[in-house]
N, C-alpha and C. Protein backbone atom coordinates (compact mmCIF):
# COMPACT_ATOMS: atom_id res chain seq x y z
N MET A 1 -6.88 12.47 -2.45
CA MET A 1 -6.63 10.98 -3.25
C MET A 1 -8.66 10.73 -4.16
N ASN A 2 -8.33 10.20 -4.92
CA ASN A 2 -9.66 10.25 -5.76
C ASN A 2 -10.50 9.38 -4.79
N GLN A 3 -11.46 9.59 -4.36
CA GLN A 3 -12.34 8.84 -3.25
C GLN A 3 -12.74 7.14 -4.27
N LYS A 4 -12.99 7.10 -5.41
CA LYS A 4 -13.40 5.88 -6.02
C LYS A 4 -11.78 4.47 -5.63
N MET A 5 -10.59 5.65 -5.40
CA MET A 5 -9.42 4.06 -5.37
C MET A 5 -9.91 4.24 -3.76
N LEU A 6 -10.37 4.86 -2.92
CA LEU A 6 -10.95 4.03 -1.66
C LEU A 6 -11.99 3.27 -1.30
N GLN A 7 -12.66 3.33 -2.26
CA GLN A 7 -14.03 2.82 -1.79
C GLN A 7 -13.79 1.29 -2.05
N ASP A 8 -12.54 0.35 -2.36
CA ASP A 8 -12.99 -0.92 -2.27
C ASP A 8 -11.74 -1.30 -1.23
N LEU A 9 -11.33 -0.46 -0.18
CA LEU A 9 -10.26 -0.28 0.81
C LEU A 9 -10.99 -0.47 2.28
N ASN A 10 -10.78 -1.14 2.91
CA ASN A 10 -11.58 -1.21 4.14
C ASN A 10 -10.75 -0.04 5.38
N HIS A 11 -11.29 0.10 6.26
CA HIS A 11 -10.65 1.41 7.25
C HIS A 11 -9.33 1.41 7.02
N GLU A 12 -9.26 0.56 7.75
CA GLU A 12 -7.34 0.45 8.31
C GLU A 12 -6.76 0.60 6.64
N GLN A 13 -7.08 -0.19 5.92
CA GLN A 13 -6.19 -0.24 4.30
C GLN A 13 -6.46 1.12 4.02
N ALA A 14 -7.19 1.77 3.70
CA ALA A 14 -7.53 3.41 4.02
C ALA A 14 -6.44 4.10 4.73
N ASP A 15 -6.41 4.38 5.93
CA ASP A 15 -5.43 4.49 6.82
C ASP A 15 -4.02 4.54 6.07
N ALA A 16 -3.87 3.13 5.52
CA ALA A 16 -2.36 2.66 4.81
C ALA A 16 -1.87 3.41 3.85
N VAL A 17 -3.03 3.65 3.37
CA VAL A 17 -2.80 4.18 1.86
C VAL A 17 -2.58 5.83 1.83
N THR A 18 -3.37 6.32 2.65
CA THR A 18 -3.36 7.74 3.02
C THR A 18 -2.39 8.50 4.14
N SER A 19 -1.56 7.51 4.44
CA SER A 19 -0.76 7.80 5.70
C SER A 19 0.68 8.22 5.06
N ILE A 20 1.20 9.55 4.98
CA ILE A 20 2.01 10.25 4.35
C ILE A 20 3.13 10.40 5.43
N ASN A 21 3.38 10.06 6.24
CA ASN A 21 4.36 10.22 7.59
C ASN A 21 5.52 9.17 7.61
N GLY A 22 6.20 9.25 6.70
CA GLY A 22 7.24 8.12 7.07
C GLY A 22 6.95 6.62 6.05
N PRO A 23 7.64 5.49 6.43
CA PRO A 23 7.49 4.47 5.95
C PRO A 23 6.24 3.60 6.43
N VAL A 24 5.28 2.55 6.03
CA VAL A 24 4.63 2.02 6.63
C VAL A 24 4.29 0.51 6.46
N LEU A 25 4.51 -0.37 7.43
CA LEU A 25 4.89 -1.65 7.28
C LEU A 25 3.52 -2.37 7.43
N LEU A 26 3.37 -3.33 6.41
CA LEU A 26 2.12 -4.07 6.07
C LEU A 26 2.01 -5.44 6.77
N ILE A 27 1.69 -5.93 7.68
CA ILE A 27 1.67 -7.53 8.40
C ILE A 27 0.23 -7.87 8.37
N ALA A 28 -0.15 -8.85 6.85
CA ALA A 28 -1.43 -9.67 7.53
C ALA A 28 -1.28 -10.55 6.54
N GLY A 29 -2.63 -11.14 6.47
CA GLY A 29 -2.66 -13.05 6.48
C GLY A 29 -2.71 -12.61 4.59
N PRO A 30 -2.56 -13.96 4.03
CA PRO A 30 -3.03 -14.29 2.49
C PRO A 30 -4.59 -13.74 2.54
N GLY A 31 -4.42 -12.84 1.05
CA GLY A 31 -5.68 -12.54 0.58
C GLY A 31 -6.18 -11.52 1.28
N SER A 32 -5.45 -10.71 2.42
CA SER A 32 -6.27 -9.69 2.95
C SER A 32 -5.82 -8.22 2.41
N GLY A 33 -5.48 -8.23 1.01
CA GLY A 33 -5.14 -7.07 0.56
C GLY A 33 -4.50 -5.96 0.28
N LYS A 34 -3.03 -6.81 0.77
CA LYS A 34 -1.82 -6.23 0.80
C LYS A 34 -0.96 -5.65 -0.49
N THR A 35 -1.73 -6.40 -1.57
CA THR A 35 -0.86 -5.67 -2.61
C THR A 35 -1.78 -4.79 -3.33
N ARG A 36 -2.80 -4.77 -3.13
CA ARG A 36 -3.72 -3.87 -3.49
C ARG A 36 -3.59 -2.27 -2.58
N VAL A 37 -3.40 -2.34 -1.36
CA VAL A 37 -2.73 -1.20 -0.69
C VAL A 37 -1.58 -0.59 -1.27
N ILE A 38 -0.51 -1.52 -1.12
CA ILE A 38 0.83 -1.28 -1.74
C ILE A 38 0.49 -0.50 -3.01
N THR A 39 -0.40 -0.86 -4.14
CA THR A 39 -0.39 -0.33 -5.27
C THR A 39 -1.24 1.05 -5.14
N HIS A 40 -2.49 1.07 -3.92
CA HIS A 40 -3.10 2.27 -4.05
C HIS A 40 -2.12 3.77 -3.34
N ARG A 41 -1.57 2.92 -2.21
CA ARG A 41 -0.44 3.64 -1.78
C ARG A 41 0.33 4.61 -2.91
N ILE A 42 1.18 3.74 -3.33
CA ILE A 42 2.06 4.05 -4.46
C ILE A 42 1.25 5.65 -5.46
N ALA A 43 0.03 4.97 -5.72
CA ALA A 43 -0.73 6.09 -6.71
C ALA A 43 -1.39 7.10 -5.98
N HIS A 44 -1.28 6.97 -4.92
CA HIS A 44 -1.88 8.15 -3.67
C HIS A 44 -0.39 9.39 -3.48
N LEU A 45 0.99 8.74 -3.15
CA LEU A 45 1.97 9.41 -3.33
C LEU A 45 2.03 10.22 -4.74
N VAL A 46 2.18 9.52 -5.80
CA VAL A 46 2.38 9.80 -6.62
C VAL A 46 1.43 11.15 -7.23
N LYS A 47 0.07 10.78 -6.86
CA LYS A 47 -1.05 11.91 -8.05
C LYS A 47 -1.38 12.95 -6.59
N SER A 48 -1.53 12.31 -5.46
CA SER A 48 -1.61 13.62 -4.16
C SER A 48 -0.64 14.66 -4.38
N GLN A 49 0.42 13.34 -3.52
CA GLN A 49 1.45 14.23 -3.28
C GLN A 49 2.48 14.35 -3.89
N LYS A 50 2.34 14.44 -5.12
CA LYS A 50 3.54 14.69 -6.17
C LYS A 50 4.71 14.11 -5.92
N VAL A 51 5.20 12.84 -5.66
CA VAL A 51 6.30 12.28 -5.17
C VAL A 51 6.39 11.72 -6.04
N ASN A 52 7.82 11.89 -6.75
CA ASN A 52 8.49 11.53 -7.90
C ASN A 52 7.82 9.93 -7.35
N PRO A 53 8.24 9.14 -8.89
CA PRO A 53 7.88 7.64 -8.76
C PRO A 53 9.37 7.11 -8.83
N TYR A 54 10.60 7.90 -8.81
CA TYR A 54 11.57 7.51 -9.33
C TYR A 54 12.40 7.26 -7.56
N ARG A 55 11.69 7.65 -6.69
CA ARG A 55 12.08 8.03 -5.37
C ARG A 55 11.26 7.13 -4.06
N ILE A 56 10.58 6.21 -4.90
CA ILE A 56 9.41 5.29 -3.98
C ILE A 56 10.22 4.06 -4.29
N THR A 57 10.20 3.11 -3.25
CA THR A 57 10.69 1.56 -3.11
C THR A 57 9.56 0.82 -2.50
N ALA A 58 9.25 -0.16 -3.12
CA ALA A 58 7.93 -0.56 -2.61
C ALA A 58 8.89 -2.60 -2.76
N MET A 59 8.98 -3.00 -1.43
CA MET A 59 8.84 -4.52 -1.19
C MET A 59 8.07 -5.12 -0.63
N THR A 60 8.07 -6.64 -1.01
CA THR A 60 7.43 -8.11 -0.45
C THR A 60 8.22 -8.72 -0.10
N PHE A 61 7.41 -9.74 1.01
CA PHE A 61 8.19 -10.99 1.54
C PHE A 61 7.33 -11.98 1.74
N THR A 62 7.56 -12.80 1.72
CA THR A 62 6.53 -14.21 1.85
C THR A 62 7.36 -15.40 2.48
N THR A 63 7.13 -15.34 3.57
CA THR A 63 7.52 -16.84 4.38
C THR A 63 7.23 -17.93 3.37
N LYS A 64 6.10 -18.12 2.69
CA LYS A 64 5.35 -19.41 2.03
C LYS A 64 6.79 -20.14 1.54
N LEU A 65 7.36 -19.36 0.49
CA LEU A 65 8.56 -20.10 -0.18
C LEU A 65 9.39 -20.83 0.93
N LEU A 66 9.54 -20.17 2.04
CA LEU A 66 10.41 -20.90 3.05
C LEU A 66 9.72 -22.68 3.44
N GLU A 67 8.53 -22.65 3.56
CA GLU A 67 7.76 -23.56 3.83
C GLU A 67 7.83 -24.86 3.04
N ASN A 68 8.70 -24.87 1.62
CA ASN A 68 8.65 -25.81 1.05
C ASN A 68 9.63 -26.47 1.15
């Protein structure tokens, strides 16, 4: 993976991005970088692991909508 892409991630985020053994579940608070981790992980899978992007599914969910 491009080291420049990992520079803006903390250790836990970088671990989630570079993990290739199965799915990753991210549970974190607002503003913690979840979206950045998801997009960087997809880029890592496509560029470094040669995964076909059409075989990747990414989902997000927020309870914020339910609070209104």
